[in-house]
C-alpha atoms as a PDB file:
ATOM      1  CA  MET A   1      21.862 -12.337  11.924  1.00  0.00           C
ATOM      2  CA  ALA A   2      18.322 -13.310  11.296  1.00  0.00           C
ATOM      3  CA  ASP A   3      16.378 -11.617   8.550  1.00  0.00           C
ATOM      4  CA  ASP A   4      13.316  -9.550   9.248  1.00  0.00           C
ATOM      5  CA  THR A   5      10.332 -11.896   9.008  1.00  0.00           C
ATOM      6  CA  ARG A   6       8.037  -9.102   7.877  1.00  0.00           C
ATOM      7  CA  LYS A   7       9.756  -8.941   4.516  1.00  0.00           C
ATOM      8  CA  GLY A   8       8.491 -12.353   3.518  1.00  0.00           C
ATOM      9  CA  PRO A   9      10.397 -15.542   2.824  1.00  0.00           C
ATOM     10  CA  SER A  10      13.926 -15.043   1.564  1.00  0.00           C
ATOM     11  CA  SER A  11      13.735 -18.077  -0.726  1.00  0.00           C
ATOM     12  CA  GLY A  12      10.923 -19.362  -2.914  1.00  0.00           C
ATOM     13  CA  ASN A  13       8.008 -17.261  -4.130  1.00  0.00           C
ATOM     14  CA  PRO A  14       8.058 -13.704  -2.805  1.00  0.00           C
ATOM     15  CA  GLN A  15       4.852 -12.405  -1.255  1.00  0.00           C
ATOM     16  CA  LYS A  16       2.790 -10.028  -3.353  1.00  0.00           C
ATOM     17  CA  LEU A  17       2.416  -6.771  -1.478  1.00  0.00           C
ATOM     18  CA  PRO A  18      -0.025  -4.029  -2.462  1.00  0.00           C
ATOM     19  CA  PRO A  19       1.500  -1.017  -4.112  1.00  0.00           C
ATOM     20  CA  PRO A  20       2.679   1.602  -1.576  1.00  0.00           C
ATOM     21  CA  ASN A  21       0.352   4.326  -2.905  1.00  0.00           C
ATOM     22  CA  MET A  22      -2.806   2.183  -2.443  1.00  0.00           C
ATOM     23  CA  LYS A  23      -4.419   2.096   1.020  1.00  0.00           C
ATOM     24  CA  PRO A  24      -5.966  -1.280   1.895  1.00  0.00           C
ATOM     25  CA  GLN A  25      -9.556  -1.376   3.007  1.00  0.00           C
ATOM     26  CA  ILE A  26     -10.031  -2.584   6.576  1.00  0.00           C
ATOM     27  CA  THR A  27     -13.021  -4.690   5.593  1.00  0.00           C
ATOM     28  CA  GLU A  28     -10.790  -6.785   3.329  1.00  0.00           C
ATOM     29  CA  TYR A  29      -8.771  -8.048   6.281  1.00  0.00           C
ATOM     30  CA  ILE A  30     -11.218  -8.095   9.198  1.00  0.00           C
ATOM     31  CA  LYS A  31     -14.584  -9.812   9.161  1.00  0.00           C
ATOM     32  CA  ARG A  32     -16.587  -8.157  11.871  1.00  0.00           C
ATOM     33  CA  PRO A  33     -19.148 -10.148  13.862  1.00  0.00           C
ATOM     34  CA  GLU A  34     -22.756  -9.008  13.945  1.00  0.00           C
ATOM     35  CA  ASN A  35     -22.466  -8.334  17.660  1.00  0.00           C
ATOM     36  CA  ALA A  36     -19.313  -7.194  19.456  1.00  0.00           C
ATOM     37  CA  ASN A  37     -20.059  -9.504  22.409  1.00  0.00           C
ATOM     38  CA  LEU A  38     -20.193 -12.678  20.346  1.00  0.00           C
ATOM     39  CA  LEU A  39     -17.516 -15.316  20.696  1.00  0.00           C
ATOM     40  CA  ALA A  40     -17.274 -18.451  18.659  1.00  0.00           C
ATOM     41  CA  GLY A  41     -18.833 -21.605  20.060  1.00  0.00           C
ATOM     42  CA  GLY A  42     -20.867 -20.076  22.871  1.00  0.00           C
ATOM     43  CA  THR A  43     -24.527 -19.971  23.711  1.00  0.00           C
ATOM     44  CA  GLU A  44     -26.796 -17.033  24.292  1.00  0.00           C
ATOM     45  CA  ASN A  45     -25.614 -16.666  27.882  1.00  0.00           C
ATOM     46  CA  THR A  46     -21.911 -17.214  27.166  1.00  0.00           C
ATOM     47  CA  ALA A  47     -21.537 -14.530  24.491  1.00  0.00           C
ATOM     48  CA  GLY A  48     -21.689 -16.974  21.579  1.00  0.00           C
ATOM     49  CA  GLY A  49     -25.060 -15.832  20.408  1.00  0.00           C
ATOM     50  CA  LYS A  50     -26.571 -19.257  19.712  1.00  0.00           C
ATOM     51  CA  THR A  51     -29.628 -20.150  21.702  1.00  0.00           C
ATOM     52  CA  PRO A  52     -29.514 -23.684  23.096  1.00  0.00           C
ATOM     53  CA  ASP A  53     -31.991 -26.167  21.683  1.00  0.00           C
ATOM     54  CA  ILE A  54     -34.743 -26.445  24.267  1.00  0.00           C
ATOM     55  CA  PRO A  55     -37.013 -29.431  23.725  1.00  0.00           C
ATOM     56  CA  SER A  56     -40.711 -28.754  23.485  1.00  0.00           C
ATOM     57  CA  LEU A  57     -43.235 -30.153  25.929  1.00  0.00           C
ATOM     58  CA  GLY A  58     -44.344 -32.695  23.315  1.00  0.00           C
ATOM     59  CA  GLU A  59     -40.795 -33.968  22.837  1.00  0.00           C
ATOM     60  CA  ILE A  60     -40.411 -34.289  26.583  1.00  0.00           C
ATOM     61  CA  ALA A  61     -43.684 -36.216  26.859  1.00  0.00           C
ATOM     62  CA  LYS A  62     -42.608 -38.562  24.035  1.00  0.00           C
ATOM     63  CA  SER A  63     -39.342 -39.353  25.828  1.00  0.00           C
ATOM     64  CA  ILE A  64     -41.148 -40.661  28.935  1.00  0.00           C
ATOM     65  CA  LYS A  65     -41.575 -44.420  28.884  1.00  0.00           C
ATOM     66  CA  ILE A  66     -44.030 -46.504  30.896  1.00  0.00           C
ATOM     67  CA  GLU A  67     -41.253 -49.018  31.684  1.00  0.00           C
ATOM     68  CA  GLU A  68     -39.467 -46.339  33.707  1.00  0.00           C
ATOM     69  CA  PHE A  69     -42.448 -46.062  36.045  1.00  0.00           C
ATOM     70  CA  LYS A  70     -42.592 -49.833  36.420  1.00  0.00           C
ATOM     71  CA  GLU A  71     -38.948 -49.895  37.529  1.00  0.00           C
ATOM     72  CA  VAL A  72     -38.871 -46.754  39.699  1.00  0.00           C
ATOM     73  CA  HIS A  73     -38.825 -48.770  42.916  1.00  0.00           C
ATOM     74  CA  GLN A  74     -35.599 -50.463  41.786  1.00  0.00           C
ATOM     75  CA  LYS A  75     -33.655 -47.208  41.661  1.00  0.00           C
ATOM     76  CA  PRO A  76     -31.380 -46.564  44.638  1.00  0.00           C
ATOM     77  CA  CYS A  77     -32.950 -44.576  47.501  1.00  0.00           C
ATOM     78  CA  VAL A  78     -36.374 -44.225  45.825  1.00  0.00           C
ATOM     79  CA  ARG A  79     -38.152 -46.988  47.733  1.00  0.00           C
ATOM     80  CA  GLU A  80     -36.933 -45.817  51.145  1.00  0.00           C
ATOM     81  CA  SER A  81     -37.707 -42.175  50.438  1.00  0.00           C
ATOM     82  CA  LEU A  82     -41.223 -42.910  49.157  1.00  0.00           C
ATOM     83  CA  LEU A  83     -41.983 -45.081  52.190  1.00  0.00           C
ATOM     84  CA  THR A  84     -40.679 -42.355  54.490  1.00  0.00           C
ATOM     85  CA  GLY A  85     -42.799 -39.773  52.696  1.00  0.00           C
ATOM     86  CA  MET A  86     -45.915 -41.955  52.830  1.00  0.00           C
ATOM     87  CA  GLY A  87     -45.517 -42.681  56.519  1.00  0.00           C
ATOM     88  CA  SER A  88     -44.857 -39.095  57.501  1.00  0.00           C
ATOM     89  CA  GLY A  89     -47.629 -37.778  55.230  1.00  0.00           C
ATOM     90  CA  PHE A  90     -50.118 -40.239  56.708  1.00  0.00           C
ATOM     91  CA  ALA A  91     -49.040 -39.315  60.232  1.00  0.00           C
ATOM     92  CA  VAL A  92     -49.206 -35.535  59.732  1.00  0.00           C
ATOM     93  CA  GLY A  93     -52.498 -35.709  57.789  1.00  0.00           C
ATOM     94  CA  GLY A  94     -54.016 -38.001  60.413  1.00  0.00           C
ATOM     95  CA  ILE A  95     -52.903 -35.785  63.286  1.00  0.00           C
ATOM     96  CA  ARG A  96     -54.288 -32.700  61.535  1.00  0.00           C
ATOM     97  CA  ALA A  97     -57.606 -34.494  60.968  1.00  0.00           C
ATOM     98  CA  VAL A  98     -57.797 -35.655  64.598  1.00  0.00           C
ATOM     99  CA  LEU A  99     -56.988 -32.158  65.869  1.00  0.00           C
ATOM    100  CA  GLY A 100     -60.014 -30.800  64.041  1.00  0.00           C
ATOM    101  CA  ALA A 101     -58.828 -29.604  60.632  1.00  0.00           C
ATOM    102  CA  SER A 102     -61.181 -30.134  57.721  1.00  0.00           C
ATOM    103  CA  ILE A 103     -60.571 -33.144  55.467  1.00  0.00           C
ATOM    104  CA  PRO A 104     -59.311 -31.092  52.476  1.00  0.00           C
ATOM    105  CA  ARG A 105     -56.954 -29.129  54.722  1.00  0.00           C
ATOM    106  CA  ALA A 106     -55.657 -32.309  56.416  1.00  0.00           C
ATOM    107  CA  SER A 107     -55.219 -33.911  52.975  1.00  0.00           C
ATOM    108  CA  ASN A 108     -53.236 -30.908  51.764  1.00  0.00           C
ATOM    109  CA  TRP A 109     -50.970 -31.207  54.796  1.00  0.00           C
ATOM    110  CA  ALA A 110     -50.587 -34.940  54.154  1.00  0.00           C
ATOM    111  CA  VAL A 111     -49.641 -34.439  50.489  1.00  0.00           C
ATOM    112  CA  GLY A 112     -47.301 -31.562  51.302  1.00  0.00           C
ATOM    113  CA  THR A 113     -45.581 -33.576  54.013  1.00  0.00           C
ATOM    114  CA  PHE A 114     -45.319 -36.568  51.682  1.00  0.00           C
ATOM    115  CA  CYS A 115     -43.630 -34.445  48.995  1.00  0.00           C
ATOM    116  CA  PHE A 116     -41.317 -32.651  51.412  1.00  0.00           C
ATOM    117  CA  MET A 117     -40.285 -35.753  53.356  1.00  0.00           C
ATOM    118  CA  SER A 118     -39.847 -37.890  50.214  1.00  0.00           C
ATOM    119  CA  PHE A 119     -37.578 -35.269  48.678  1.00  0.00           C
ATOM    120  CA  GLY A 120     -35.638 -34.807  51.910  1.00  0.00           C
ATOM    121  CA  ALA A 121     -35.242 -38.545  52.496  1.00  0.00           C
ATOM    122  CA  TYR A 122     -34.119 -39.062  48.898  1.00  0.00           C
ATOM    123  CA  GLN A 123     -31.497 -36.311  49.166  1.00  0.00           C
ATOM    124  CA  TYR A 124     -30.276 -37.642  52.514  1.00  0.00           C
ATOM    125  CA  CYS A 125     -29.995 -41.154  51.089  1.00  0.00           C
ATOM    126  CA  GLN A 126     -28.062 -39.841  48.085  1.00  0.00           C
ATOM    127  CA  TYR A 127     -25.740 -37.992  50.469  1.00  0.00           C
ATOM    128  CA  ARG A 128     -25.152 -41.171  52.486  1.00  0.00           C
ATOM    129  CA  ARG A 129     -24.380 -43.061  49.274  1.00  0.00           C
ATOM    130  CA  TYR A 130     -21.933 -40.343  48.219  1.00  0.00           C
ATOM    131  CA  VAL A 131     -20.186 -40.451  51.608  1.00  0.00           C
ATOM    132  CA  GLU A 132     -20.053 -44.244  51.467  1.00  0.00           C
ATOM    133  CA  LYS A 133     -18.601 -44.131  47.946  1.00  0.00           C
ATOM    134  CA  GLN A 134     -15.955 -41.636  49.091  1.00  0.00           C
ATOM    135  CA  GLY A 135     -15.172 -43.860  52.092  1.00  0.00           C
ATOM    136  CA  MET A 136     -14.811 -46.900  49.869  1.00  0.00           C
ATOM    137  CA  ALA A 137     -12.526 -45.011  47.513  1.00  0.00           C
ATOM    138  CA  ARG A 138     -10.428 -43.929  50.498  1.00  0.00           C
ATOM    139  CA  ALA A 139     -10.346 -47.510  51.815  1.00  0.00           C
ATOM    140  CA  VAL A 140      -9.167 -48.799  48.432  1.00  0.00           C
ATOM    141  CA  GLU A 141      -6.515 -46.085  48.362  1.00  0.00           C
ATOM    142  CA  VAL A 142      -5.309 -47.002  51.860  1.00  0.00           C
ATOM    143  CA  VAL A 143      -5.173 -50.693  50.953  1.00  0.00           C
ATOM    144  CA  GLU A 144      -3.136 -49.873  47.837  1.00  0.00           C
ATOM    145  CA  LEU A 145      -0.771 -47.702  49.881  1.00  0.00           C
ATOM    146  CA  LYS A 146      -0.300 -50.473  52.457  1.00  0.00           C
ATOM    147  CA  ARG A 147       0.296 -53.029  49.724  1.00  0.00           C
ATOM    148  CA  ALA A 148       2.878 -50.764  48.100  1.00  0.00           C
ATOM    149  CA  ALA A 149       4.546 -50.176  51.491  1.00  0.00           C
ATOM    150  CA  LYS A 150       4.713 -53.926  52.133  1.00  0.00           C
ATOM    151  CA  GLN A 151       6.215 -54.506  48.690  1.00  0.00           C
ATOM    152  CA  ARG A 152       8.811 -51.775  49.318  1.00  0.00           C
ATOM    153  CA  GLU A 153       9.606 -53.289  52.709  1.00  0.00           C
ATOM    154  CA  LYS A 154       9.930 -56.761  51.197  1.00  0.00           C
ATOM    155  CA  ARG A 155      12.231 -55.478  48.434  1.00  0.00           C
ATOM    156  CA  GLU A 156      14.308 -53.651  51.050  1.00  0.00           C
ATOM    157  CA  GLU A 157      14.625 -56.834  53.125  1.00  0.00           C
ATOM    158  CA  GLU A 158      15.605 -58.820  50.020  1.00  0.00           C
ATOM    159  CA  ARG A 159      18.192 -56.173  49.116  1.00  0.00           C
ATOM    160  CA  LYS A 160      19.621 -56.234  52.652  1.00  0.00           C
ATOM    161  CA  ALA A 161      19.731 -60.039  52.592  1.00  0.00           C
ATOM    162  CA  LYS A 162      21.617 -59.974  49.265  1.00  0.00           C
ATOM    163  CA  GLU A 163      24.029 -57.373  50.615  1.00  0.00           C
ATOM    164  CA  GLU A 164      24.611 -59.464  53.745  1.00  0.00           C
ATOM    165  CA  GLU A 165      25.180 -62.579  51.631  1.00  0.00           C
ATOM    166  CA  ALA A 166      27.624 -60.686  49.422  1.00  0.00           C
ATOM    167  CA  ARG A 167      29.439 -59.349  52.507  1.00  0.00           C
ATOM    168  CA  ARG A 168      29.678 -62.856  53.994  1.00  0.00           C
ATOM    169  CA  GLU A 169      30.995 -64.213  50.704  1.00  0.00           C
ATOM    170  CA  GLU A 170      33.579 -61.430  50.583  1.00  0.00           C
ATOM    171  CA  GLU A 171      34.605 -62.170  54.196  1.00  0.00           C
ATOM    172  CA  ARG A 172      34.898 -65.868  53.385  1.00  0.00           C
ATOM    173  CA  ILE A 173      37.083 -65.085  50.384  1.00  0.00           C
ATOM    174  CA  LYS A 174      39.303 -62.757  52.469  1.00  0.00           C
ATOM    175  CA  THR A 175      39.763 -65.272  55.284  1.00  0.00           C
ATOM    176  CA  ARG A 176      40.481 -68.188  52.969  1.00  0.00           C
ATOM    177  CA  ARG A 177      44.078 -69.335  52.838  1.00  0.00           C
ATOM    178  CA  TRP A 178      46.003 -68.783  49.670  1.00  0.00           C
ATOM    179  CA  TYR A 179      47.771 -72.068  50.104  1.00  0.00           C
ATOM    180  CA  LYS A 180      46.420 -75.532  50.333  1.00  0.00           C
ATOM    181  CA  PHE A 181      47.645 -78.523  52.241  1.00  0.00           C
ATOM    182  CA  TRP A 182      47.347 -81.703  50.415  1.00  0.00           C
END
């Protein structure tokens, strides 16, 4: 039978146990955290206690590069969404001005419509790109499945052809005469 593992290893150096009359202090064995809700490796909101490093406004401003603004029109969906926002903002602001709203009020409507429509058009374009990407992934998957099916079918045909050839050879050997006329 197996030995009791609580006694320590049966061979080698025996474990040193405290004398039986001495009570161990709990603080020797357990290191208590400062907060009972803290877990290792978390952040303030995940019970780890560490606050995430939030960059300051100055650090954010330093990370912005002028080159990014020069290339913003080259990003996907940005050009179309900005043009949509400009057109709709101009239309709504112009209609408000023609219908008798003051210039500042019509301008506010134009800017608001520009922001709203640009954001909406950008999100819609991103959604269309996502759907297209999913469709392309599905198309690639279907093509791979068809290719694999064709390869399986071809291997099956080759196997059947080999079996048929082997059967014909066996038939030929069976029907061959065991004697030979010379």
